[in-house]
Amino acid sequence: MTTPSLPLPDLDGATTLVAGGTGNVGFFAVDSLLRAGADVLVPTRSNAKFDRLRSRLAPDLRDRLIGLSGDVGTPESARGIAEQARAKTFGGLDAVVSAVATWHQGPPVLAGGFDAFRDVIESRLYPHFVIAEAFVPLLKSGGSYTTINGPVAFAGGVHSSTGPIAAASAAQNRLMLAIADETGGDPRVNDVVMWAYLGPNGTRPGSNLQGEEVGAFLAWLGGPDAGEVHGRTIHLRTPDQVRRTLAGTPQTGDLG
């Protein structure tokens, strides 16, 4: 499926960071931010993954993609990456997107045992706190911090095989709203629940939303046109929702 051209904000001169930028969702965020004119910093532990990300981008965008070496999974390493980011920015970051977690079924809640449950919480929830702790202080006044969440905690029913992921997802949402309350809107903090299916090679078959639409929305949310959007849980569901928002005519419920 070909996605028609989408309008993007003017982010010329902005410096942004995408945690998880080498991943399935992160690629579309990186691509849209670069096409909007921003420089994009991407932390990575893997040169191979960073090189693949770079190869997927248009050649004229690659010079504004900047790799930061390290892992955002622990407080110590995240602080190290934040210091690298600080050294490459003059005056701080304009926007951060955190797209670090994946969502998949696992063993049933009780049958999986404590260790399996703890692994889900540690690998899906803790990184969002660690990244926020490291990078929210680097945001400029008026900056934007966005986390990507999955829909499993917001679906009609919770199944035993997705229970741990649902718990982590719901906790992520509450965590981000608490941080939003703490910042008071400067910087802006929002949690985007992405109802799309994206894989390593792009949008998966059957996804209502295309990856390019998700990326364009995230670029808009990080830009000046979204200056009043803060403390929201935004369910990103349909192409029409994305296009209305990018056109400046969102309907009630489009932005949470």
Protein backbone atom coordinates (compact mmCIF):
# COMPACT_ATOMS: atom_id res chain seq x y z
CA MET A 1 0.00 0.00 0.00
CA THR A 2 1.34 3.43 -0.95
CA THR A 3 0.77 6.20 1.54
CA PRO A 4 0.01 9.60 -0.03
CA SER A 5 2.36 12.42 0.90
CA LEU A 6 1.70 13.74 4.38
CA PRO A 7 2.32 17.32 5.55
CA LEU A 8 5.08 17.63 8.13
CA PRO A 9 5.88 20.40 10.61
CA ASP A 10 8.79 22.73 10.02
CA LEU A 11 11.48 21.43 12.35
CA ASP A 12 14.40 22.98 10.53
CA GLY A 13 17.20 23.54 13.06
CA ALA A 14 15.58 21.39 15.76
CA THR A 15 17.52 18.66 17.57
CA THR A 16 15.56 15.56 18.50
CA LEU A 17 16.26 12.15 20.00
CA VAL A 18 14.52 8.83 19.33
CA ALA A 19 15.15 6.11 21.90
CA GLY A 20 14.49 2.84 20.10
CA GLY A 21 15.16 4.55 16.80
CA THR A 22 16.58 1.39 15.22
CA GLY A 23 13.36 -0.52 15.95
CA ASN A 24 10.14 -1.06 14.03
CA VAL A 25 8.31 2.05 15.26
CA GLY A 26 11.45 4.07 15.78
CA PHE A 27 12.39 3.97 12.10
CA PHE A 28 9.22 5.82 11.09
CA ALA A 29 9.72 8.41 13.83
CA VAL A 30 13.33 8.97 12.74
CA ASP A 31 12.41 9.18 9.06
CA SER A 32 9.62 11.72 9.60
CA LEU A 33 11.65 13.89 11.97
CA LEU A 34 14.51 14.00 9.47
CA ARG A 35 12.17 14.81 6.59
CA ALA A 36 10.68 17.60 8.72
CA GLY A 37 14.16 19.13 8.94
CA ALA A 38 15.37 18.05 12.39
CA ASP A 39 18.66 16.53 13.37
CA VAL A 40 17.97 13.16 15.00
CA LEU A 41 20.08 11.48 17.67
CA VAL A 42 19.63 7.73 18.04
CA PRO A 43 21.16 5.74 20.91
CA THR A 44 22.21 2.23 19.90
CA ARG A 45 24.19 -0.72 21.20
CA SER A 46 24.52 -2.26 17.75
CA ASN A 47 26.47 -0.80 14.84
CA ALA A 48 24.71 -3.26 12.54
CA LYS A 49 21.25 -2.02 13.57
CA PHE A 50 22.31 1.60 13.21
CA ASP A 51 23.77 0.90 9.76
CA ARG A 52 20.51 -0.77 8.74
CA LEU A 53 18.54 2.24 9.94
CA ARG A 54 20.81 4.53 7.98
CA SER A 55 20.48 2.39 4.84
CA ARG A 56 16.67 2.61 4.97
CA LEU A 57 16.74 6.42 4.90
CA ALA A 58 16.91 8.57 1.79
CA PRO A 59 20.54 9.53 1.08
CA ASP A 60 19.86 13.24 1.55
CA LEU A 61 18.67 12.61 5.12
CA ARG A 62 21.55 10.55 6.40
CA ASP A 63 23.89 13.40 7.29
CA ARG A 64 21.46 14.58 9.99
CA LEU A 65 21.25 11.16 11.64
CA ILE A 66 23.63 11.00 14.61
CA GLY A 67 24.38 7.80 16.50
CA LEU A 68 25.05 7.74 20.24
CA SER A 69 26.82 4.67 21.54
CA GLY A 70 25.27 2.87 24.48
CA ASP A 71 22.25 1.25 26.08
CA VAL A 72 19.26 3.14 27.45
CA GLY A 73 18.24 0.15 29.55
CA THR A 74 19.95 1.10 32.82
CA PRO A 75 20.15 4.42 34.69
CA GLU A 76 23.94 4.55 34.47
CA SER A 77 24.12 3.90 30.73
CA ALA A 78 21.19 6.23 30.01
CA ARG A 79 22.97 9.02 31.87
CA GLY A 80 26.05 8.33 29.78
CA ILE A 81 24.03 8.69 26.60
CA ALA A 82 22.45 11.86 27.95
CA GLU A 83 25.94 13.29 28.41
CA GLN A 84 26.76 12.42 24.80
CA ALA A 85 23.54 14.13 23.71
CA ARG A 86 24.33 17.18 25.82
CA ALA A 87 27.73 17.46 24.14
CA LYS A 88 26.11 17.41 20.68
CA THR A 89 23.39 19.95 21.41
CA PHE A 90 23.59 23.64 22.03
CA GLY A 91 20.78 24.61 24.35
CA GLY A 92 19.17 21.19 24.70
CA LEU A 93 16.77 18.93 22.84
CA ASP A 94 13.57 20.06 21.17
CA ALA A 95 11.81 16.71 21.23
CA VAL A 96 12.27 13.15 22.47
CA VAL A 97 10.38 10.06 21.32
CA SER A 98 10.66 6.89 23.40
CA ALA A 99 9.80 3.83 21.31
CA VAL A 100 11.75 1.20 23.19
CA ALA A 101 9.26 -1.54 24.10
CA THR A 102 7.67 -4.34 22.09
CA TRP A 103 4.39 -6.12 22.74
CA HIS A 104 3.80 -9.83 22.33
CA GLN A 105 2.07 -12.72 23.99
CA GLY A 106 3.83 -14.70 26.67
CA PRO A 107 3.07 -17.43 29.17
CA PRO A 108 -0.11 -17.14 31.25
CA VAL A 109 0.24 -14.90 34.28
CA LEU A 110 0.40 -17.42 37.10
CA ALA A 111 1.75 -20.31 35.06
CA GLY A 112 4.62 -18.15 33.87
CA GLY A 113 5.70 -17.49 37.43
CA PHE A 114 7.26 -14.52 39.13
CA ASP A 115 10.47 -14.49 37.10
CA ALA A 116 8.60 -14.25 33.80
CA PHE A 117 6.38 -11.49 35.15
CA ARG A 118 9.34 -9.58 36.53
CA ASP A 119 11.14 -9.88 33.18
CA VAL A 120 8.20 -8.26 31.40
CA ILE A 121 8.00 -5.39 33.89
CA GLU A 122 11.75 -4.82 33.86
CA SER A 123 12.09 -4.96 30.08
CA ARG A 124 8.86 -3.13 29.10
CA LEU A 125 8.23 -0.63 31.90
CA TYR A 126 11.50 0.30 33.59
CA PRO A 127 13.16 1.60 30.40
CA HIS A 128 10.45 4.26 30.06
CA PHE A 129 11.27 5.60 33.50
CA VAL A 130 15.02 5.40 32.89
CA ILE A 131 14.77 7.26 29.58
CA ALA A 132 12.47 9.94 30.99
CA GLU A 133 14.77 10.46 33.97
CA ALA A 134 17.77 10.90 31.66
CA PHE A 135 16.28 12.99 28.85
CA VAL A 136 13.39 15.08 30.15
CA PRO A 137 15.93 17.39 31.87
CA LEU A 138 17.65 17.92 28.50
CA LEU A 139 14.53 19.29 26.84
CA LYS A 140 14.32 22.98 26.07
CA SER A 141 11.49 25.10 27.39
CA GLY A 142 8.53 24.27 25.19
CA GLY A 143 10.00 20.89 24.27
CA SER A 144 8.09 17.66 23.77
CA TYR A 145 8.46 14.18 25.28
CA THR A 146 6.42 11.36 23.72
CA THR A 147 6.21 7.70 24.65
CA ILE A 148 4.84 4.99 22.38
CA ASN A 149 2.48 2.55 24.04
CA GLY A 150 0.66 -0.52 22.77
CA PRO A 151 -3.09 -1.13 22.81
CA VAL A 152 -3.15 -4.32 24.87
CA ALA A 153 -3.95 -2.55 28.16
CA PHE A 154 -6.77 -0.61 26.50
CA ALA A 155 -8.47 -3.43 24.58
CA GLY A 156 -11.88 -4.74 25.56
CA GLY A 157 -10.57 -7.82 27.36
CA VAL A 158 -7.33 -8.94 28.96
CA HIS A 159 -6.17 -12.49 28.29
CA SER A 160 -3.86 -14.47 30.51
CA SER A 161 -1.19 -14.65 27.79
CA THR A 162 -1.08 -10.86 27.48
CA GLY A 163 -1.66 -10.08 31.15
CA PRO A 164 1.94 -9.14 32.01
CA ILE A 165 2.24 -6.93 28.91
CA ALA A 166 -1.12 -5.32 29.71
CA ALA A 167 0.08 -4.59 33.25
CA ALA A 168 3.29 -3.00 31.96
CA SER A 169 1.37 -0.99 29.34
CA ALA A 170 -1.16 0.34 31.85
CA ALA A 171 1.63 1.21 34.27
CA GLN A 172 3.53 3.02 31.50
CA ASN A 173 0.49 5.14 30.81
CA ARG A 174 0.02 6.10 34.46
CA LEU A 175 3.76 6.78 34.79
CA MET A 176 3.76 9.16 31.84
CA LEU A 177 0.69 11.01 33.06
CA ALA A 178 2.34 11.41 36.47
CA ILE A 179 5.47 12.83 34.83
CA ALA A 180 3.26 15.13 32.76
CA ASP A 181 1.73 16.45 35.97
CA GLU A 182 5.20 16.96 37.38
CA THR A 183 6.45 19.00 34.42
CA GLY A 184 3.26 21.07 34.32
CA GLY A 185 3.41 21.27 30.54
CA ASP A 186 6.98 22.49 30.14
CA PRO A 187 8.13 20.24 28.64
CA ARG A 188 5.01 18.67 27.20
CA VAL A 189 4.60 14.95 27.95
CA ASN A 190 2.20 12.63 26.10
CA ASP A 191 1.59 8.88 25.77
CA VAL A 192 0.60 7.68 22.29
CA VAL A 193 -1.25 4.36 22.15
CA MET A 194 -0.45 3.10 18.67
CA TRP A 195 -3.11 0.88 17.08
CA ALA A 196 -0.89 -0.13 14.18
CA TYR A 197 1.16 -3.20 13.33
CA LEU A 198 4.70 -2.44 12.27
CA GLY A 199 7.47 -4.93 11.61
CA PRO A 200 11.15 -4.89 10.71
CA ASN A 201 10.35 -4.37 7.03
CA GLY A 202 7.64 -1.76 7.44
CA THR A 203 3.89 -1.86 7.95
CA ARG A 204 2.52 -5.35 8.48
CA PRO A 205 -0.41 -6.60 6.33
CA GLY A 206 -3.77 -5.84 7.89
CA SER A 207 -2.64 -2.73 9.75
CA ASN A 208 -5.17 0.08 9.49
CA LEU A 209 -2.44 2.68 10.00
CA GLN A 210 0.67 2.90 7.87
CA GLY A 211 4.06 3.46 9.48
CA GLU A 212 4.45 6.72 7.58
CA GLU A 213 1.24 8.00 9.16
CA VAL A 214 2.49 7.11 12.62
CA GLY A 215 5.82 8.84 11.95
CA ALA A 216 4.18 12.00 10.60
CA PHE A 217 1.93 12.21 13.66
CA LEU A 218 4.90 11.83 16.01
CA ALA A 219 6.78 14.58 14.16
CA TRP A 220 3.74 16.84 14.46
CA LEU A 221 3.42 16.10 18.18
CA GLY A 222 7.05 17.11 18.66
CA GLY A 223 6.62 20.39 16.80
CA PRO A 224 5.25 23.86 17.52
CA ASP A 225 1.76 23.17 16.13
CA ALA A 226 1.15 20.79 19.05
CA GLY A 227 2.15 23.37 21.64
CA GLU A 228 -1.08 22.97 23.63
CA VAL A 229 -1.07 19.17 23.63
CA HIS A 230 0.12 17.95 27.02
CA GLY A 231 -0.74 15.22 29.50
CA ARG A 232 -2.76 13.30 26.94
CA THR A 233 -3.32 9.62 26.27
CA ILE A 234 -3.69 9.72 22.50
CA HIS A 235 -5.16 6.64 20.82
CA LEU A 236 -3.75 6.73 17.31
CA ARG A 237 -6.19 4.58 15.33
CA THR A 238 -7.07 5.81 11.84
CA PRO A 239 -5.57 7.52 8.81
CA ASP A 240 -8.36 10.13 8.91
CA GLN A 241 -7.43 10.99 12.50
CA VAL A 242 -3.83 11.56 11.43
CA ARG A 243 -4.77 13.67 8.41
CA ARG A 244 -7.21 15.84 10.35
CA THR A 245 -4.57 16.48 12.98
CA LEU A 246 -1.84 17.32 10.47
CA ALA A 247 -4.26 19.65 8.69
CA GLY A 248 -4.99 21.49 11.93
CA THR A 249 -8.61 20.33 12.15
CA PRO A 250 -8.69 17.54 14.76
CA GLN A 251 -12.08 16.38 15.96
CA THR A 252 -13.12 15.76 19.55
CA GLY A 253 -11.28 12.68 20.76
CA ASP A 254 -8.54 12.75 18.12
CA LEU A 255 -5.97 13.99 20.64
CA GLY A 256 -7.19 12.22 23.76
